[in-house]
Protein backbone atom coordinates (compact mmCIF):
# COMPACT_ATOMS: atom_id res chain seq x y z
CA MET A 1 -63.58 -10.66 55.75
CA PRO A 2 -64.03 -10.26 51.81
CA VAL A 3 -61.06 -11.33 49.79
CA LEU A 4 -59.80 -8.86 47.21
CA SER A 5 -58.90 -10.22 43.78
CA PRO A 6 -55.78 -8.62 42.28
CA THR A 7 -56.52 -6.03 39.51
CA TRP A 8 -53.92 -7.51 36.92
CA THR A 9 -54.48 -11.12 36.84
CA ASN A 10 -52.51 -13.23 34.21
CA GLU A 11 -55.70 -13.03 31.88
CA ARG A 12 -55.94 -9.45 32.10
CA ILE A 13 -52.68 -8.93 31.28
CA GLU A 14 -52.66 -11.10 28.37
CA LEU A 15 -55.81 -9.21 27.02
CA LEU A 16 -54.24 -5.78 27.65
CA LYS A 17 -51.00 -7.10 25.50
CA GLN A 18 -53.28 -8.39 22.71
CA HIS A 19 -55.55 -5.23 22.59
CA PHE A 20 -52.27 -2.94 22.78
CA GLU A 21 -50.69 -4.69 19.96
CA ALA A 22 -54.05 -4.55 17.97
CA GLY A 23 -53.81 -0.70 18.13
CA LEU A 24 -56.81 -0.06 20.55
CA SER A 25 -56.78 3.21 22.61
CA CYS A 26 -56.22 3.16 26.45
CA ARG A 27 -60.01 3.96 26.93
CA GLU A 28 -60.94 1.13 24.75
CA ILE A 29 -58.85 -1.30 26.16
CA ALA A 30 -59.78 -0.16 29.61
CA ALA A 31 -63.59 -0.57 28.87
CA ASP A 32 -63.10 -4.09 27.63
CA ILE A 33 -61.04 -5.53 30.67
CA GLY A 34 -63.04 -3.49 33.41
CA VAL A 35 -60.36 -1.35 34.59
CA SER A 36 -59.77 2.46 34.62
CA ARG A 37 -57.93 4.06 31.78
CA ASN A 38 -55.21 5.31 34.14
CA ALA A 39 -54.76 1.77 35.33
CA VAL A 40 -54.17 0.65 31.64
CA ILE A 41 -51.68 3.64 31.16
CA GLY A 42 -49.79 2.70 34.25
CA LYS A 43 -49.54 -1.16 33.66
CA LEU A 44 -48.44 -0.21 30.05
CA SER A 45 -45.77 1.92 31.40
CA ARG A 46 -44.72 -0.72 33.84
CA LEU A 47 -44.53 -3.49 31.16
CA ASN A 48 -42.46 -0.91 28.97
CA LEU A 49 -44.97 -0.99 26.21
CA THR A 50 -45.19 2.15 24.11
CA ARG A 51 -46.68 3.13 20.87
CA GLY A 52 -44.31 3.16 17.91
CA ARG A 53 -44.26 7.05 17.49
CA THR A 54 -40.83 8.06 16.36
CA VAL A 55 -39.24 11.61 17.14
CA ASP A 56 -39.54 12.51 13.47
CA ASP A 57 -43.23 11.86 13.68
CA ARG A 58 -43.59 14.34 16.80
CA LYS A 59 -41.78 17.00 14.82
CA VAL A 60 -44.12 16.69 11.84
CA GLN A 61 -47.09 16.83 14.12
CA ASP A 62 -45.82 19.90 16.14
CA ARG A 63 -44.86 21.68 13.04
CA GLY A 64 -48.45 21.29 11.75
CA THR A 65 -50.13 22.83 14.75
CA ALA A 66 -47.37 25.53 15.69
CA PRO A 67 -48.43 27.99 13.16
CA ALA A 68 -52.04 28.15 13.84
CA ARG A 69 -51.26 28.91 17.59
CA ALA A 70 -48.92 31.46 16.77
CA MET A 71 -51.23 33.36 14.74
CA ARG A 72 -53.71 33.27 17.44
CA ALA A 73 -51.34 34.54 19.95
CA VAL A 74 -50.64 37.92 18.59
CA PRO A 75 -53.62 40.24 18.34
CA ARG A 76 -54.02 42.28 15.30
CA LEU A 77 -53.88 45.57 17.34
CA GLN A 78 -50.56 44.48 18.98
CA TYR A 79 -49.28 43.71 15.30
CA GLN A 80 -50.34 47.05 13.97
CA MET A 81 -48.58 48.83 17.20
CA LEU A 82 -45.29 46.97 16.47
CA ALA A 83 -45.51 47.96 12.72
CA THR A 84 -46.11 51.48 13.66
CA ILE A 85 -43.33 51.62 16.30
CA TYR A 86 -40.62 49.34 14.56
CA GLY A 87 -41.67 50.13 10.92
CA GLU A 88 -41.73 47.51 8.09
CA THR A 89 -38.24 48.03 7.48
CA ASP A 90 -35.31 46.83 9.50
CA ALA A 91 -34.34 50.25 10.88
CA PRO A 92 -33.86 50.21 14.49
CA ALA A 93 -36.64 52.27 16.54
CA LEU A 94 -35.36 55.59 18.00
CA ALA A 95 -34.95 55.14 21.65
CA GLY A 96 -34.74 58.58 23.23
CA PRO A 97 -35.70 59.45 26.63
CA ILE A 98 -39.41 59.67 27.68
CA ASP A 99 -40.85 62.92 28.66
CA ASP A 100 -41.97 63.07 32.32
CA ALA A 101 -43.57 66.61 32.17
CA ASN A 102 -47.26 65.50 31.27
CA ARG A 103 -47.79 63.14 34.03
CA CYS A 104 -51.46 62.87 35.24
CA SER A 105 -53.81 61.21 37.61
CA LEU A 106 -56.40 58.61 36.51
CA LEU A 107 -59.24 61.29 36.32
CA GLU A 108 -57.02 63.37 33.99
CA LEU A 109 -56.43 60.53 31.53
CA SER A 110 -58.05 61.07 28.03
CA GLU A 111 -58.34 58.98 24.90
CA ASN A 112 -55.20 60.47 23.23
CA ARG A 113 -52.99 60.18 26.46
CA CYS A 114 -50.55 57.47 27.48
CA ARG A 115 -51.85 55.20 30.01
CA TRP A 116 -48.40 53.81 31.13
CA PRO A 117 -48.53 53.52 35.10
CA ILE A 118 -45.66 55.30 36.91
CA SER A 119 -44.81 53.93 40.59
CA THR A 120 -47.04 51.61 42.60
CA PRO A 121 -51.00 51.73 42.69
CA GLY A 122 -52.19 53.23 45.65
CA ALA A 123 -48.70 55.09 46.55
CA GLU A 124 -48.82 58.91 46.94
CA ASP A 125 -46.67 59.21 43.89
CA PHE A 126 -48.64 57.13 41.56
CA CYS A 127 -49.79 58.47 38.35
CA PHE A 128 -49.69 57.91 34.52
CA CYS A 129 -47.30 59.10 31.86
CA GLY A 130 -49.74 61.36 30.08
CA ASN A 131 -47.73 61.90 26.83
CA ILE A 132 -49.60 61.99 23.74
CA ALA A 133 -50.49 58.81 22.36
CA PRO A 134 -50.66 58.30 18.49
CA ASP A 135 -53.73 56.82 16.74
CA SER A 136 -55.81 55.81 19.78
CA GLN A 137 -53.10 53.61 21.19
CA PRO A 138 -52.80 53.09 24.88
CA TYR A 139 -49.15 54.18 25.11
CA CYS A 140 -46.93 56.82 23.88
CA ALA A 141 -44.07 55.94 21.35
CA GLY A 142 -41.45 55.55 24.12
CA HIS A 143 -43.61 53.38 26.29
CA SER A 144 -44.81 51.26 23.32
CA ARG A 145 -41.22 50.30 22.64
CA LEU A 146 -41.17 48.89 26.23
CA ALA A 147 -44.58 47.33 26.05
CA TYR A 148 -44.41 45.88 22.45
CA ARG A 149 -40.94 44.19 22.05
CA PRO A 150 -40.88 41.73 19.16
CA ASN A 151 -40.11 38.20 20.55
CA SER A 152 -36.34 37.32 20.65
CA ARG A 153 -36.05 35.36 17.62
CA VAL A 154 -37.05 38.49 15.52
CA ARG A 155 -34.55 40.43 17.36
CA VAL A 156 -31.94 37.91 16.57
CA MET A 157 -32.90 37.78 12.88
CA ARG A 158 -32.76 41.53 12.71
CA GLY A 159 -29.42 41.64 14.40
């Protein structure tokens, strides 16, 4: 029967500590010691060895990357729709009832008609709103108010 040697010998643990203190990455430590990266991460965790990153460092790093993500998250068309519906001012959008007299089937939909689904697809009463959708937008003004709401922070700032 083969004798299994332990993964973490005293020599390997000392090497791990030395490499960690020298600032090597977990991948570099793993390659040098001859264990997996996950084994290094696990052993560092069990030894309570952590990198000296403070909370302030994380906040600065997060602030640096957040605007780029936020800019990509809102497509230009959605922004234009929000600007059309809510305007560039702080005036609240009018919230009147949505007319249901123009409902239509999928075959009756055209480019300038609201594509808001009514009911459940496959149900007997399934149809689309069919009201006029301005400027080739997918929804009428009433359904656009429902579909393109500004995020809660914007609403709190306005209110």
